[in-house]
PDB file of N, CA and C in Angstrom:
ATOM      1  N   MET A   1       0.845  -1.174   0.000  1.00  0.00           N
ATOM      2  CA  MET A   1       0.000   0.000   0.000  1.00  0.00           C
ATOM      3  C   MET A   1       0.892   1.239   0.000  1.00  0.00           C
ATOM      4  N   THR A   2       0.631   2.186  -0.878  1.00  0.00           N
ATOM      5  CA  THR A   2       1.411   3.418  -0.915  1.00  0.00           C
ATOM      6  C   THR A   2       0.486   4.601  -0.753  1.00  0.00           C
ATOM      7  N   ASP A   3       0.952   5.607  -0.044  1.00  0.00           N
ATOM      8  CA  ASP A   3       0.169   6.824   0.167  1.00  0.00           C
ATOM      9  C   ASP A   3       0.596   7.881  -0.819  1.00  0.00           C
ATOM     10  N   SER A   4      -0.339   8.629  -1.328  1.00  0.00           N
ATOM     11  CA  SER A   4      -0.052   9.814  -2.130  1.00  0.00           C
ATOM     12  C   SER A   4      -0.919  10.929  -1.602  1.00  0.00           C
ATOM     13  N   ALA A   5      -0.801  12.098  -2.206  1.00  0.00           N
ATOM     14  CA  ALA A   5      -1.537  13.252  -1.700  1.00  0.00           C
ATOM     15  C   ALA A   5      -3.037  13.010  -1.698  1.00  0.00           C
ATOM     16  N   ASN A   6      -3.576  12.351  -2.716  1.00  0.00           N
ATOM     17  CA  ASN A   6      -5.019  12.201  -2.800  1.00  0.00           C
ATOM     18  C   ASN A   6      -5.500  10.777  -3.022  1.00  0.00           C
ATOM     19  N   LYS A   7      -4.596   9.790  -3.085  1.00  0.00           N
ATOM     20  CA  LYS A   7      -5.034   8.429  -3.355  1.00  0.00           C
ATOM     21  C   LYS A   7      -4.252   7.425  -2.526  1.00  0.00           C
ATOM     22  N   ILE A   8      -4.917   6.335  -2.214  1.00  0.00           N
ATOM     23  CA  ILE A   8      -4.260   5.183  -1.621  1.00  0.00           C
ATOM     24  C   ILE A   8      -4.536   4.028  -2.575  1.00  0.00           C
ATOM     25  N   THR A   9      -3.483   3.366  -3.060  1.00  0.00           N
ATOM     26  CA  THR A   9      -3.620   2.301  -4.036  1.00  0.00           C
ATOM     27  C   THR A   9      -3.437   0.963  -3.345  1.00  0.00           C
ATOM     28  N   SER A  10      -4.347   0.035  -3.588  1.00  0.00           N
ATOM     29  CA  SER A  10      -4.266  -1.285  -2.986  1.00  0.00           C
ATOM     30  C   SER A  10      -4.926  -2.287  -3.913  1.00  0.00           C
ATOM     31  N   ASN A  11      -4.223  -3.376  -4.228  1.00  0.00           N
ATOM     32  CA  ASN A  11      -4.778  -4.452  -5.048  1.00  0.00           C
ATOM     33  C   ASN A  11      -5.427  -3.954  -6.336  1.00  0.00           C
ATOM     34  N   GLN A  12      -4.725  -3.149  -7.101  1.00  0.00           N
ATOM     35  CA  GLN A  12      -5.121  -2.641  -8.408  1.00  0.00           C
ATOM     36  C   GLN A  12      -6.320  -1.704  -8.381  1.00  0.00           C
ATOM     37  N   SER A  13      -6.795  -1.301  -7.221  1.00  0.00           N
ATOM     38  CA  SER A  13      -7.899  -0.344  -7.178  1.00  0.00           C
ATOM     39  C   SER A  13      -7.442   0.895  -6.428  1.00  0.00           C
ATOM     40  N   ALA A  14      -7.859   2.045  -6.908  1.00  0.00           N
ATOM     41  CA  ALA A  14      -7.482   3.303  -6.274  1.00  0.00           C
ATOM     42  C   ALA A  14      -8.646   3.802  -5.424  1.00  0.00           C
ATOM     43  N   ILE A  15      -8.330   4.172  -4.211  1.00  0.00           N
ATOM     44  CA  ILE A  15      -9.346   4.734  -3.322  1.00  0.00           C
ATOM     45  C   ILE A  15      -8.967   6.189  -3.083  1.00  0.00           C
ATOM     46  N   GLU A  16      -9.820   7.085  -3.514  1.00  0.00           N
ATOM     47  CA  GLU A  16      -9.536   8.507  -3.328  1.00  0.00           C
ATOM     48  C   GLU A  16      -9.935   8.948  -1.930  1.00  0.00           C
ATOM     49  N   ASN A  17      -9.146   9.862  -1.383  1.00  0.00           N
ATOM     50  CA  ASN A  17      -9.470  10.454  -0.084  1.00  0.00           C
ATOM     51  C   ASN A  17     -10.696  11.325  -0.200  1.00  0.00           C
ATOM     52  N   ILE A  18     -11.401  11.443   0.894  1.00  0.00           N
ATOM     53  CA  ILE A  18     -12.458  12.447   1.002  1.00  0.00           C
ATOM     54  C   ILE A  18     -11.814  13.648   1.671  1.00  0.00           C
ATOM     55  N   GLU A  19     -11.791  14.777   0.988  1.00  0.00           N
ATOM     56  CA  GLU A  19     -11.189  15.991   1.546  1.00  0.00           C
ATOM     57  C   GLU A  19     -12.264  16.788   2.278  1.00  0.00           C
ATOM     58  N   ILE A  20     -11.954  17.105   3.532  1.00  0.00           N
ATOM     59  CA  ILE A  20     -12.885  17.845   4.382  1.00  0.00           C
ATOM     60  C   ILE A  20     -12.199  19.100   4.885  1.00  0.00           C
ATOM     61  N   MET A  21     -12.926  20.220   4.874  1.00  0.00           N
ATOM     62  CA  MET A  21     -12.413  21.469   5.431  1.00  0.00           C
ATOM     63  C   MET A  21     -12.761  21.468   6.927  1.00  0.00           C
ATOM     64  N   PRO A  22     -11.744  21.345   7.793  1.00  0.00           N
ATOM     65  CA  PRO A  22     -12.039  21.248   9.226  1.00  0.00           C
ATOM     66  C   PRO A  22     -12.524  22.584   9.792  1.00  0.00           C
ATOM     67  N   PRO A  23     -13.450  22.518  10.756  1.00  0.00           N
ATOM     68  CA  PRO A  23     -13.869  23.749  11.428  1.00  0.00           C
ATOM     69  C   PRO A  23     -12.692  24.351  12.185  1.00  0.00           C
ATOM     70  N   VAL A  24     -12.685  25.677  12.294  1.00  0.00           N
ATOM     71  CA  VAL A  24     -11.593  26.356  12.994  1.00  0.00           C
ATOM     72  C   VAL A  24     -12.165  27.514  13.810  1.00  0.00           C
ATOM     73  N   ASP A  25     -11.632  27.684  15.020  1.00  0.00           N
ATOM     74  CA  ASP A  25     -11.911  28.862  15.847  1.00  0.00           C
ATOM     75  C   ASP A  25     -10.657  29.712  15.809  1.00  0.00           C
ATOM     76  N   ILE A  26     -10.813  31.004  15.561  1.00  0.00           N
ATOM     77  CA  ILE A  26      -9.669  31.917  15.513  1.00  0.00           C
ATOM     78  C   ILE A  26      -9.857  32.978  16.584  1.00  0.00           C
ATOM     79  N   LEU A  27      -8.863  33.067  17.461  1.00  0.00           N
ATOM     80  CA  LEU A  27      -8.881  34.045  18.547  1.00  0.00           C
ATOM     81  C   LEU A  27      -7.726  35.010  18.349  1.00  0.00           C
ATOM     82  N   GLU A  28      -7.900  36.235  18.832  1.00  0.00           N
ATOM     83  CA  GLU A  28      -6.842  37.241  18.723  1.00  0.00           C
ATOM     84  C   GLU A  28      -6.675  37.954  20.046  1.00  0.00           C
ATOM     85  N   ASP A  29      -5.409  38.191  20.413  1.00  0.00           N
ATOM     86  CA  ASP A  29      -5.098  39.060  21.540  1.00  0.00           C
ATOM     87  C   ASP A  29      -3.973  39.987  21.101  1.00  0.00           C
ATOM     88  N   ASN A  30      -3.402  40.742  22.019  1.00  0.00           N
ATOM     89  CA  ASN A  30      -2.355  41.706  21.658  1.00  0.00           C
ATOM     90  C   ASN A  30      -1.080  41.047  21.147  1.00  0.00           C
ATOM     91  N   GLU A  31      -0.853  39.786  21.508  1.00  0.00           N
ATOM     92  CA  GLU A  31       0.400  39.114  21.177  1.00  0.00           C
ATOM     93  C   GLU A  31       0.330  38.191  19.970  1.00  0.00           C
ATOM     94  N   ALA A  32      -0.857  37.573  19.730  1.00  0.00           N
ATOM     95  CA  ALA A  32      -0.912  36.536  18.695  1.00  0.00           C
ATOM     96  C   ALA A  32      -2.342  36.252  18.238  1.00  0.00           C
ATOM     97  N   PHE A  33      -2.413  35.513  17.131  1.00  0.00           N
ATOM     98  CA  PHE A  33      -3.653  34.896  16.669  1.00  0.00           C
ATOM     99  C   PHE A  33      -3.521  33.421  17.040  1.00  0.00           C
ATOM    100  N   THR A  34      -4.605  32.819  17.539  1.00  0.00           N
ATOM    101  CA  THR A  34      -4.590  31.401  17.876  1.00  0.00           C
ATOM    102  C   THR A  34      -5.699  30.722  17.096  1.00  0.00           C
ATOM    103  N   MET A  35      -5.337  29.622  16.426  1.00  0.00           N
ATOM    104  CA  MET A  35      -6.287  28.870  15.614  1.00  0.00           C
ATOM    105  C   MET A  35      -6.438  27.468  16.195  1.00  0.00           C
ATOM    106  N   HIS A  36      -7.687  27.047  16.413  1.00  0.00           N
ATOM    107  CA  HIS A  36      -7.982  25.706  16.914  1.00  0.00           C
ATOM    108  C   HIS A  36      -8.773  24.968  15.832  1.00  0.00           C
ATOM    109  N   PHE A  37      -8.155  23.943  15.227  1.00  0.00           N
ATOM    110  CA  PHE A  37      -8.784  23.148  14.182  1.00  0.00           C
ATOM    111  C   PHE A  37      -9.303  21.843  14.766  1.00  0.00           C
ATOM    112  N   GLU A  38     -10.507  21.439  14.392  1.00  0.00           N
ATOM    113  CA  GLU A  38     -11.045  20.143  14.789  1.00  0.00           C
ATOM    114  C   GLU A  38     -10.630  19.126  13.730  1.00  0.00           C
ATOM    115  N   VAL A  39      -9.705  18.220  14.107  1.00  0.00           N
ATOM    116  CA  VAL A  39      -9.196  17.205  13.184  1.00  0.00           C
ATOM    117  C   VAL A  39      -9.201  15.836  13.870  1.00  0.00           C
ATOM    118  N   PRO A  40     -10.399  15.286  14.141  1.00  0.00           N
ATOM    119  CA  PRO A  40     -10.475  14.004  14.843  1.00  0.00           C
ATOM    120  C   PRO A  40      -9.794  12.889  14.056  1.00  0.00           C
ATOM    121  N   GLY A  41      -9.186  11.972  14.794  1.00  0.00           N
ATOM    122  CA  GLY A  41      -8.526  10.834  14.172  1.00  0.00           C
ATOM    123  C   GLY A  41      -7.144  11.131  13.647  1.00  0.00           C
ATOM    124  N   SER A  42      -6.613  12.303  13.983  1.00  0.00           N
ATOM    125  CA  SER A  42      -5.277  12.673  13.511  1.00  0.00           C
ATOM    126  C   SER A  42      -4.324  12.786  14.695  1.00  0.00           C
ATOM    127  N   ASN A  43      -3.035  12.855  14.385  1.00  0.00           N
ATOM    128  CA  ASN A  43      -2.030  13.095  15.407  1.00  0.00           C
ATOM    129  C   ASN A  43      -0.922  13.946  14.792  1.00  0.00           C
ATOM    130  N   ALA A  44       0.050  14.320  15.583  1.00  0.00           N
ATOM    131  CA  ALA A  44       1.097  15.244  15.123  1.00  0.00           C
ATOM    132  C   ALA A  44       1.828  14.729  13.889  1.00  0.00           C
ATOM    133  N   SER A  45       2.043  13.427  13.807  1.00  0.00           N
ATOM    134  CA  SER A  45       2.800  12.892  12.664  1.00  0.00           C
ATOM    135  C   SER A  45       2.002  12.907  11.361  1.00  0.00           C
ATOM    136  N   SER A  46       0.683  13.092  11.437  1.00  0.00           N
ATOM    137  CA  SER A  46      -0.139  13.107  10.224  1.00  0.00           C
ATOM    138  C   SER A  46      -0.406  14.522   9.709  1.00  0.00           C
ATOM    139  N   VAL A  47       0.156  15.525  10.384  1.00  0.00           N
ATOM    140  CA  VAL A  47      -0.100  16.927  10.024  1.00  0.00           C
ATOM    141  C   VAL A  47       1.020  17.465   9.141  1.00  0.00           C
ATOM    142  N   LYS A  48       0.639  18.138   8.084  1.00  0.00           N
ATOM    143  CA  LYS A  48       1.592  18.835   7.216  1.00  0.00           C
ATOM    144  C   LYS A  48       1.174  20.305   7.180  1.00  0.00           C
ATOM    145  N   LEU A  49       2.043  21.176   7.682  1.00  0.00           N
ATOM    146  CA  LEU A  49       1.805  22.621   7.689  1.00  0.00           C
ATOM    147  C   LEU A  49       2.905  23.289   6.886  1.00  0.00           C
ATOM    148  N   GLU A  50       2.519  24.317   6.112  1.00  0.00           N
ATOM    149  CA  GLU A  50       3.497  25.019   5.299  1.00  0.00           C
ATOM    150  C   GLU A  50       3.032  26.448   5.081  1.00  0.00           C
ATOM    151  N   VAL A  51       3.992  27.376   5.094  1.00  0.00           N
ATOM    152  CA  VAL A  51       3.705  28.761   4.736  1.00  0.00           C
ATOM    153  C   VAL A  51       4.589  29.102   3.551  1.00  0.00           C
ATOM    154  N   GLU A  52       3.954  29.541   2.469  1.00  0.00           N
ATOM    155  CA  GLU A  52       4.693  29.949   1.282  1.00  0.00           C
ATOM    156  C   GLU A  52       3.996  31.162   0.676  1.00  0.00           C
ATOM    157  N   ASN A  53       4.768  32.223   0.473  1.00  0.00           N
ATOM    158  CA  ASN A  53       4.234  33.468  -0.102  1.00  0.00           C
ATOM    159  C   ASN A  53       2.999  33.975   0.639  1.00  0.00           C
ATOM    160  N   GLY A  54       3.027  33.875   1.961  1.00  0.00           N
ATOM    161  CA  GLY A  54       1.929  34.385   2.775  1.00  0.00           C
ATOM    162  C   GLY A  54       0.708  33.483   2.828  1.00  0.00           C
ATOM    163  N   ILE A  55       0.807  32.270   2.293  1.00  0.00           N
ATOM    164  CA  ILE A  55      -0.306  31.323   2.306  1.00  0.00           C
ATOM    165  C   ILE A  55       0.021  30.190   3.277  1.00  0.00           C
ATOM    166  N   LEU A  56      -0.870  29.984   4.258  1.00  0.00           N
ATOM    167  CA  LEU A  56      -0.740  28.881   5.210  1.00  0.00           C
ATOM    168  C   LEU A  56      -1.561  27.709   4.682  1.00  0.00           C
ATOM    169  N   SER A  57      -0.909  26.564   4.491  1.00  0.00           N
ATOM    170  CA  SER A  57      -1.590  25.352   4.020  1.00  0.00           C
ATOM    171  C   SER A  57      -1.551  24.296   5.116  1.00  0.00           C
ATOM    172  N   LEU A  58      -2.692  23.696   5.361  1.00  0.00           N
ATOM    173  CA  LEU A  58      -2.826  22.627   6.337  1.00  0.00           C
ATOM    174  C   LEU A  58      -3.342  21.393   5.615  1.00  0.00           C
ATOM    175  N   GLU A  59      -2.689  20.267   5.842  1.00  0.00           N
ATOM    176  CA  GLU A  59      -3.156  18.982   5.341  1.00  0.00           C
ATOM    177  C   GLU A  59      -2.959  17.988   6.469  1.00  0.00           C
ATOM    178  N   CYS A  60      -3.997  17.240   6.787  1.00  0.00           N
ATOM    179  CA  CYS A  60      -3.949  16.381   7.964  1.00  0.00           C
ATOM    180  C   CYS A  60      -4.686  15.069   7.675  1.00  0.00           C
ATOM    181  N   ALA A  61      -3.944  13.965   7.635  1.00  0.00           N
ATOM    182  CA  ALA A  61      -4.558  12.658   7.432  1.00  0.00           C
ATOM    183  C   ALA A  61      -5.238  12.210   8.725  1.00  0.00           C
ATOM    184  N   SER A  62      -6.336  11.502   8.564  1.00  0.00           N
ATOM    185  CA  SER A  62      -7.108  11.042   9.714  1.00  0.00           C
ATOM    186  C   SER A  62      -7.314   9.532   9.624  1.00  0.00           C
ATOM    187  N   THR A  63      -7.550   8.914  10.755  1.00  0.00           N
ATOM    188  CA  THR A  63      -7.900   7.493  10.765  1.00  0.00           C
ATOM    189  C   THR A  63      -9.385   7.301  10.475  1.00  0.00           C
ATOM    190  N   LEU A  64     -10.147   8.394  10.424  1.00  0.00           N
ATOM    191  CA  LEU A  64     -11.571   8.316  10.100  1.00  0.00           C
ATOM    192  C   LEU A  64     -11.753   7.903   8.650  1.00  0.00           C
ATOM    193  N   ARG A  65     -12.888   7.271   8.371  1.00  0.00           N
ATOM    194  CA  ARG A  65     -13.221   6.887   7.005  1.00  0.00           C
ATOM    195  C   ARG A  65     -14.676   7.225   6.755  1.00  0.00           C
ATOM    196  N   ARG A  66     -14.987   7.509   5.525  1.00  0.00           N
ATOM    197  CA  ARG A  66     -16.375   7.653   5.073  1.00  0.00           C
ATOM    198  C   ARG A  66     -16.586   6.548   4.062  1.00  0.00           C
ATOM    199  N   GLY A  67     -17.334   5.552   4.462  1.00  0.00           N
ATOM    200  CA  GLY A  67     -17.411   4.350   3.639  1.00  0.00           C
ATOM    201  C   GLY A  67     -16.036   3.709   3.668  1.00  0.00           C
ATOM    202  N   LYS A  68     -15.482   3.435   2.513  1.00  0.00           N
ATOM    203  CA  LYS A  68     -14.133   2.864   2.441  1.00  0.00           C
ATOM    204  C   LYS A  68     -13.083   3.932   2.195  1.00  0.00           C
ATOM    205  N   ARG A  69     -13.513   5.176   2.089  1.00  0.00           N
ATOM    206  CA  ARG A  69     -12.596   6.251   1.723  1.00  0.00           C
ATOM    207  C   ARG A  69     -11.998   6.936   2.952  1.00  0.00           C
ATOM    208  N   PRO A  70     -10.661   7.075   2.988  1.00  0.00           N
ATOM    209  CA  PRO A  70     -10.005   7.765   4.110  1.00  0.00           C
ATOM    210  C   PRO A  70     -10.277   9.269   4.069  1.00  0.00           C
ATOM    211  N   VAL A  71     -10.301   9.872   5.251  1.00  0.00           N
ATOM    212  CA  VAL A  71     -10.564  11.311   5.383  1.00  0.00           C
ATOM    213  C   VAL A  71      -9.237  12.070   5.413  1.00  0.00           C
ATOM    214  N   LEU A  72      -9.187  13.160   4.649  1.00  0.00           N
ATOM    215  CA  LEU A  72      -8.044  14.064   4.633  1.00  0.00           C
ATOM    216  C   LEU A  72      -8.567  15.469   4.901  1.00  0.00           C
ATOM    217  N   PHE A  73      -8.126  16.072   6.006  1.00  0.00           N
ATOM    218  CA  PHE A  73      -8.525  17.443   6.329  1.00  0.00           C
ATOM    219  C   PHE A  73      -7.596  18.401   5.592  1.00  0.00           C
ATOM    220  N   LYS A  74      -8.175  19.411   4.929  1.00  0.00           N
ATOM    221  CA  LYS A  74      -7.363  20.400   4.199  1.00  0.00           C
ATOM    222  C   LYS A  74      -7.953  21.787   4.418  1.00  0.00           C
ATOM    223  N   ARG A  75      -7.057  22.751   4.582  1.00  0.00           N
ATOM    224  CA  ARG A  75      -7.496  24.146   4.755  1.00  0.00           C
ATOM    225  C   ARG A  75      -6.372  25.054   4.305  1.00  0.00           C
ATOM    226  N   ILE A  76      -6.714  26.197   3.712  1.00  0.00           N
ATOM    227  CA  ILE A  76      -5.737  27.180   3.238  1.00  0.00           C
ATOM    228  C   ILE A  76      -6.177  28.560   3.702  1.00  0.00           C
ATOM    229  N   PHE A  77      -5.214  29.351   4.203  1.00  0.00           N
ATOM    230  CA  PHE A  77      -5.478  30.718   4.647  1.00  0.00           C
ATOM    231  C   PHE A  77      -4.423  31.657   4.081  1.00  0.00           C
ATOM    232  N   ARG A  78      -4.839  32.852   3.699  1.00  0.00           N
ATOM    233  CA  ARG A  78      -3.882  33.919   3.377  1.00  0.00           C
ATOM    234  C   ARG A  78      -3.594  34.633   4.690  1.00  0.00           C
ATOM    235  N   LEU A  79      -2.309  34.704   5.047  1.00  0.00           N
ATOM    236  CA  LEU A  79      -1.926  35.322   6.310  1.00  0.00           C
ATOM    237  C   LEU A  79      -1.759  36.823   6.162  1.00  0.00           C
ATOM    238  N   SER A  80      -2.103  37.515   7.210  1.00  0.00           N
ATOM    239  CA  SER A  80      -1.889  38.954   7.299  1.00  0.00           C
ATOM    240  C   SER A  80      -0.404  39.243   7.451  1.00  0.00           C
ATOM    241  N   ARG A  81       0.017  40.408   7.048  1.00  0.00           N
ATOM    242  CA  ARG A  81       1.405  40.822   7.277  1.00  0.00           C
ATOM    243  C   ARG A  81       1.678  41.051   8.756  1.00  0.00           C
ATOM    244  N   ALA A  82       0.621  41.019   9.538  1.00  0.00           N
ATOM    245  CA  ALA A  82       0.765  41.188  10.981  1.00  0.00           C
ATOM    246  C   ALA A  82       1.342  39.940  11.646  1.00  0.00           C
ATOM    247  N   VAL A  83       1.394  38.799  10.926  1.00  0.00           N
ATOM    248  CA  VAL A  83       1.887  37.543  11.497  1.00  0.00           C
ATOM    249  C   VAL A  83       3.387  37.413  11.266  1.00  0.00           C
ATOM    250  N   ASP A  84       4.102  37.045  12.329  1.00  0.00           N
ATOM    251  CA  ASP A  84       5.527  36.739  12.230  1.00  0.00           C
ATOM    252  C   ASP A  84       5.636  35.249  11.901  1.00  0.00           C
ATOM    253  N   VAL A  85       5.700  34.914  10.607  1.00  0.00           N
ATOM    254  CA  VAL A  85       5.645  33.514  10.175  1.00  0.00           C
ATOM    255  C   VAL A  85       6.796  32.668  10.704  1.00  0.00           C
ATOM    256  N   ASN A  86       7.915  33.285  11.042  1.00  0.00           N
ATOM    257  CA  ASN A  86       9.066  32.525  11.550  1.00  0.00           C
ATOM    258  C   ASN A  86       8.877  32.050  12.991  1.00  0.00           C
ATOM    259  N   LYS A  87       7.822  32.522  13.650  1.00  0.00           N
ATOM    260  CA  LYS A  87       7.597  32.149  15.050  1.00  0.00           C
ATOM    261  C   LYS A  87       6.308  31.350  15.265  1.00  0.00           C
ATOM    262  N   ILE A  88       5.697  30.868  14.189  1.00  0.00           N
ATOM    263  CA  ILE A  88       4.469  30.085  14.312  1.00  0.00           C
ATOM    264  C   ILE A  88       4.789  28.760  15.000  1.00  0.00           C
ATOM    265  N   THR A  89       3.910  28.363  15.936  1.00  0.00           N
ATOM    266  CA  THR A  89       4.053  27.070  16.606  1.00  0.00           C
ATOM    267  C   THR A  89       2.765  26.268  16.430  1.00  0.00           C
ATOM    268  N   ALA A  90       2.893  24.938  16.513  1.00  0.00           N
ATOM    269  CA  ALA A  90       1.729  24.064  16.354  1.00  0.00           C
ATOM    270  C   ALA A  90       1.802  22.924  17.358  1.00  0.00           C
ATOM    271  N   LYS A  91       0.608  22.503  17.819  1.00  0.00           N
ATOM    272  CA  LYS A  91       0.513  21.406  18.776  1.00  0.00           C
ATOM    273  C   LYS A  91      -0.752  20.616  18.464  1.00  0.00           C
ATOM    274  N   SER A  92      -0.649  19.303  18.511  1.00  0.00           N
ATOM    275  CA  SER A  92      -1.794  18.437  18.257  1.00  0.00           C
ATOM    276  C   SER A  92      -2.088  17.611  19.497  1.00  0.00           C
ATOM    277  N   ALA A  93      -3.347  17.619  19.945  1.00  0.00           N
ATOM    278  CA  ALA A  93      -3.750  16.823  21.108  1.00  0.00           C
ATOM    279  C   ALA A  93      -5.252  16.560  21.049  1.00  0.00           C
ATOM    280  N   ASP A  94      -5.625  15.315  21.260  1.00  0.00           N
ATOM    281  CA  ASP A  94      -7.036  14.920  21.373  1.00  0.00           C
ATOM    282  C   ASP A  94      -7.893  15.384  20.194  1.00  0.00           C
ATOM    283  N   GLY A  95      -7.369  15.273  18.975  1.00  0.00           N
ATOM    284  CA  GLY A  95      -8.150  15.635  17.792  1.00  0.00           C
ATOM    285  C   GLY A  95      -8.273  17.119  17.545  1.00  0.00           C
ATOM    286  N   VAL A  96      -7.486  17.920  18.247  1.00  0.00           N
ATOM    287  CA  VAL A  96      -7.490  19.368  18.034  1.00  0.00           C
ATOM    288  C   VAL A  96      -6.065  19.812  17.701  1.00  0.00           C
ATOM    289  N   LEU A  97      -5.929  20.507  16.588  1.00  0.00           N
ATOM    290  CA  LEU A  97      -4.648  21.077  16.188  1.00  0.00           C
ATOM    291  C   LEU A  97      -4.689  22.556  16.546  1.00  0.00           C
ATOM    292  N   THR A  98      -3.716  23.014  17.337  1.00  0.00           N
ATOM    293  CA  THR A  98      -3.659  24.409  17.768  1.00  0.00           C
ATOM    294  C   THR A  98      -2.437  25.074  17.165  1.00  0.00           C
ATOM    295  N   LEU A  99      -2.664  26.168  16.454  1.00  0.00           N
ATOM    296  CA  LEU A  99      -1.579  26.970  15.899  1.00  0.00           C
ATOM    297  C   LEU A  99      -1.560  28.304  16.614  1.00  0.00           C
ATOM    298  N   VAL A 100      -0.376  28.749  17.001  1.00  0.00           N
ATOM    299  CA  VAL A 100      -0.203  30.080  17.565  1.00  0.00           C
ATOM    300  C   VAL A 100       0.618  30.871  16.562  1.00  0.00           C
ATOM    301  N   LEU A 101       0.045  31.959  16.083  1.00  0.00           N
ATOM    302  CA  LEU A 101       0.671  32.814  15.082  1.00  0.00           C
ATOM    303  C   LEU A 101       1.004  34.149  15.739  1.00  0.00           C
ATOM    304  N   PRO A 102       2.220  34.296  16.246  1.00  0.00           N
ATOM    305  CA  PRO A 102       2.596  35.537  16.929  1.00  0.00           C
ATOM    306  C   PRO A 102       2.521  36.738  15.995  1.00  0.00           C
ATOM    307  N   LYS A 103       2.161  37.857  16.573  1.00  0.00           N
ATOM    308  CA  LYS A 103       2.119  39.094  15.791  1.00  0.00           C
ATOM    309  C   LYS A 103       3.526  39.663  15.635  1.00  0.00           C
ATOM    310  N   ALA A 104       3.761  40.268  14.499  1.00  0.00           N
ATOM    311  CA  ALA A 104       5.034  40.941  14.254  1.00  0.00           C
ATOM    312  C   ALA A 104       5.131  42.156  15.176  1.00  0.00           C
ATOM    313  N   GLU A 105       6.344  42.510  15.541  1.00  0.00           N
ATOM    314  CA  GLU A 105       6.555  43.628  16.473  1.00  0.00           C
ATOM    315  C   GLU A 105       5.926  44.929  15.980  1.00  0.00           C
ATOM    316  N   HIS A 106       5.937  45.166  14.666  1.00  0.00           N
ATOM    317  CA  HIS A 106       5.439  46.448  14.152  1.00  0.00           C
ATOM    318  C   HIS A 106       3.923  46.624  14.296  1.00  0.00           C
ATOM    319  N   VAL A 107       3.181  45.564  14.647  1.00  0.00           N
ATOM    320  CA  VAL A 107       1.735  45.710  14.810  1.00  0.00           C
ATOM    321  C   VAL A 107       1.268  45.590  16.253  1.00  0.00           C
ATOM    322  N   LYS A 108       2.189  45.280  17.161  1.00  0.00           N
ATOM    323  CA  LYS A 108       1.820  45.171  18.569  1.00  0.00           C
ATOM    324  C   LYS A 108       1.590  46.564  19.146  1.00  0.00           C
ATOM    325  N   PRO A 109       0.655  46.684  20.077  1.00  0.00           N
ATOM    326  CA  PRO A 109       0.417  47.982  20.698  1.00  0.00           C
ATOM    327  C   PRO A 109       1.657  48.479  21.453  1.00  0.00           C
ATOM    328  N   ILE A 110       1.862  49.743  21.402  1.00  0.00           N
ATOM    329  CA  ILE A 110       2.987  50.370  22.116  1.00  0.00           C
ATOM    330  C   ILE A 110       2.394  51.217  23.243  1.00  0.00           C
ATOM    331  N   LYS A 111       2.871  50.955  24.446  1.00  0.00           N
ATOM    332  CA  LYS A 111       2.413  51.744  25.596  1.00  0.00           C
ATOM    333  C   LYS A 111       3.303  52.967  25.730  1.00  0.00           C
ATOM    334  N   ILE A 112       2.668  54.088  25.868  1.00  0.00           N
ATOM    335  CA  ILE A 112       3.396  55.344  25.971  1.00  0.00           C
ATOM    336  C   ILE A 112       3.202  55.905  27.376  1.00  0.00           C
ATOM    337  N   ALA A 113       4.322  56.130  28.050  1.00  0.00           N
ATOM    338  CA  ALA A 113       4.258  56.662  29.399  1.00  0.00           C
ATOM    339  C   ALA A 113       3.955  58.171  29.354  1.00  0.00           C
ATOM    340  N   VAL A 114       3.126  58.582  30.246  1.00  0.00           N
ATOM    341  CA  VAL A 114       2.779  60.005  30.344  1.00  0.00           C
ATOM    342  C   VAL A 114       3.390  60.533  31.646  1.00  0.00           C
ATOM    343  N   SER A 115       4.086  61.679  31.539  1.00  0.00           N
ATOM    344  CA  SER A 115       4.710  62.237  32.734  1.00  0.00           C
ATOM    345  C   SER A 115       4.035  63.537  33.127  1.00  0.00           C
TER     346      SER A 115
END
């Protein structure tokens, strides 16, 4: 059995993945944007994250199936220039993938002291 981006081949028959756009909650504070994706049946080793030209791509294989077809979670976002892409972190636990996208210094609030 070999895996490819969209197919799993077994015994001369190809089974295409079912691609699902996972739900996401996006929170913002002064320091970062936090994204919580619902990706049941997945773990850290099944997640592929990439940022290229300001586009965040998520692909996450799952142990879930619809009929005989394996589930593949996919989502794409255009990132704001407010995100410091070199400091993005990700964590997977209990079917939830959490990304923390720190804000770049130039967009963080600056406190000004008054004398």
